[in-house]
Amino acid sequence: MTPFQHRCRERLERLMAERGLDAVFTGLPAHPDRTVQAEDQSGHLRADVAGPRGVIELYLYRREAGFKVEGNWYVFERQRFAGETQLLEALVRALEPWLA
């Protein structure tokens, strides 16, 4: 896990806990076919959160993050922000309406 993923996971777990929700991150399958058993090589993390408006899929990549809800993707790429702190805070702000 990269330092960014660690900070991001901690912040999202805290955000979910504040709202009585659980975010348990696990590694993604390395192979796109979920029936193929292969060791995860990507380092990406995922958590499914049962939010008040439906399931929120959270994704933590090495230096980026995103989430999917109601079929829509919200992606936070490092190059679009001044730093990782700004990326993380933008992610949290975008998630908050889905948690209300």
Foldseek 3Di string as FASTA:
>chain_A
DAPLLVVLVVVVQVVQVVLVKGWDKDADQCDPPVVDHDDNPQPKIWTWIQAPQGIKIWIDGNQWIWIADPRDIDTQHQVVDPHSVRSSVVRSVVCVVRRD
